[in-house]
Amino acid sequence: MDFNTRYAKLNDNQRQAVDYIHGSLLVIAGPGTGKTELLSMRTAQILRQTDTLPNSILCLTFTESGATNMRQRLRQIIGEAGSDLRYCFSFSQ
């Protein structure tokens, strides 16, 4: 699924977070609320709207499964450039 199709499925608050690309953003939400999708989309938006290189972005998750899921989503959204991002899941262990 491409960026625009995924973007259309986000709610207003999620779209606002995806569009906020110049600075830090704290996302607090419960399980199953779309955090991984939001963070994947925000990462894709940063890559689309700025000259940021994929290998300069670090995506943090709490589990290896979360890192794998985010990597897969980013590959679907932005292609192989999603493989160039850095992922970390062990910082909380």
Protein backbone atom coordinates (compact mmCIF):
# COMPACT_ATOMS: atom_id res chain seq x y z
CA MET A 1 0.00 0.00 0.00
CA ASP A 2 1.45 3.39 -0.94
CA PHE A 3 1.88 6.48 1.25
CA ASN A 4 -1.23 8.32 0.06
CA THR A 5 -3.53 5.33 0.60
CA ARG A 6 -2.18 4.78 4.11
CA TYR A 7 -2.33 8.51 4.88
CA ALA A 8 -6.01 8.65 3.93
CA LYS A 9 -6.77 5.97 6.54
CA LEU A 10 -5.25 7.97 9.43
CA ASN A 11 -7.43 9.99 11.79
CA ASP A 12 -6.93 13.75 12.19
CA ASN A 13 -4.59 13.46 15.20
CA GLN A 14 -2.47 10.84 13.44
CA ARG A 15 -2.23 13.01 10.30
CA GLN A 16 -1.14 15.96 12.42
CA ALA A 17 1.64 13.83 13.96
CA VAL A 18 2.74 12.50 10.55
CA ASP A 19 2.88 16.03 9.15
CA TYR A 20 4.93 17.38 12.08
CA ILE A 21 8.41 16.64 10.71
CA HIS A 22 10.63 19.38 12.16
CA GLY A 23 11.30 18.38 15.75
CA SER A 24 10.65 15.78 18.39
CA LEU A 25 7.26 14.24 18.94
CA LEU A 26 6.01 12.14 21.85
CA VAL A 27 3.31 9.61 21.02
CA ILE A 28 1.41 8.15 23.96
CA ALA A 29 -1.29 5.63 23.12
CA GLY A 30 -2.48 2.21 24.15
CA PRO A 31 -2.05 -1.13 22.37
CA GLY A 32 -3.64 -1.43 18.95
CA THR A 33 -4.12 2.31 18.42
CA GLY A 34 -1.86 2.65 15.37
CA LYS A 35 1.42 3.82 16.90
CA THR A 36 3.59 1.69 14.63
CA GLU A 37 1.69 2.84 11.55
CA LEU A 38 1.92 6.46 12.68
CA LEU A 39 5.67 6.26 13.32
CA SER A 40 6.27 4.45 10.03
CA MET A 41 4.27 7.08 8.18
CA ARG A 42 6.02 9.95 9.97
CA THR A 43 9.41 8.47 9.06
CA ALA A 44 8.28 8.15 5.44
CA GLN A 45 7.01 11.74 5.49
CA ILE A 46 10.36 13.01 6.80
CA LEU A 47 12.12 11.19 3.96
CA ARG A 48 9.62 12.53 1.40
CA GLN A 49 9.63 16.15 2.55
CA THR A 50 13.27 16.74 3.56
CA ASP A 51 16.75 15.88 2.35
CA THR A 52 17.27 13.54 5.32
CA LEU A 53 19.08 10.34 4.38
CA PRO A 54 17.49 7.05 5.49
CA ASN A 55 20.67 5.90 7.23
CA SER A 56 20.56 8.96 9.51
CA ILE A 57 17.25 7.92 11.11
CA LEU A 58 17.06 5.63 14.14
CA CYS A 59 13.73 3.91 14.84
CA LEU A 60 13.32 2.63 18.40
CA THR A 61 10.89 -0.07 19.45
CA PHE A 62 10.42 -2.14 22.59
CA THR A 63 10.52 -5.53 20.87
CA GLU A 64 12.28 -7.27 18.00
CA SER A 65 8.84 -7.97 16.58
CA GLY A 66 8.07 -4.25 16.61
CA ALA A 67 11.32 -3.46 14.79
CA THR A 68 10.58 -6.13 12.18
CA ASN A 69 7.03 -4.83 11.73
CA MET A 70 8.22 -1.24 11.31
CA ARG A 71 10.92 -2.29 8.82
CA GLN A 72 8.33 -4.18 6.74
CA ARG A 73 5.90 -1.27 6.76
CA LEU A 74 8.58 1.20 5.71
CA ARG A 75 9.65 -1.06 2.84
CA GLN A 76 6.02 -1.15 1.70
CA ILE A 77 5.70 2.64 1.92
CA ILE A 78 9.08 3.86 0.63
CA GLY A 79 10.65 0.81 -0.97
CA GLU A 80 14.15 -0.48 -0.33
CA ALA A 81 15.21 2.83 1.25
CA GLY A 82 13.36 1.46 4.27
CA SER A 83 16.15 -1.08 4.63
CA ASP A 84 18.70 1.71 5.11
CA LEU A 85 17.14 2.96 8.34
CA ARG A 86 18.59 1.85 11.65
CA TYR A 87 16.36 -0.06 14.04
CA CYS A 88 16.86 -0.81 17.71
CA PHE A 89 14.69 -2.93 19.96
CA SER A 90 16.98 -3.95 22.84
CA PHE A 91 17.39 -0.62 24.63
CA SER A 92 14.62 -1.54 27.08
CA GLN A 93 15.94 -4.99 27.96
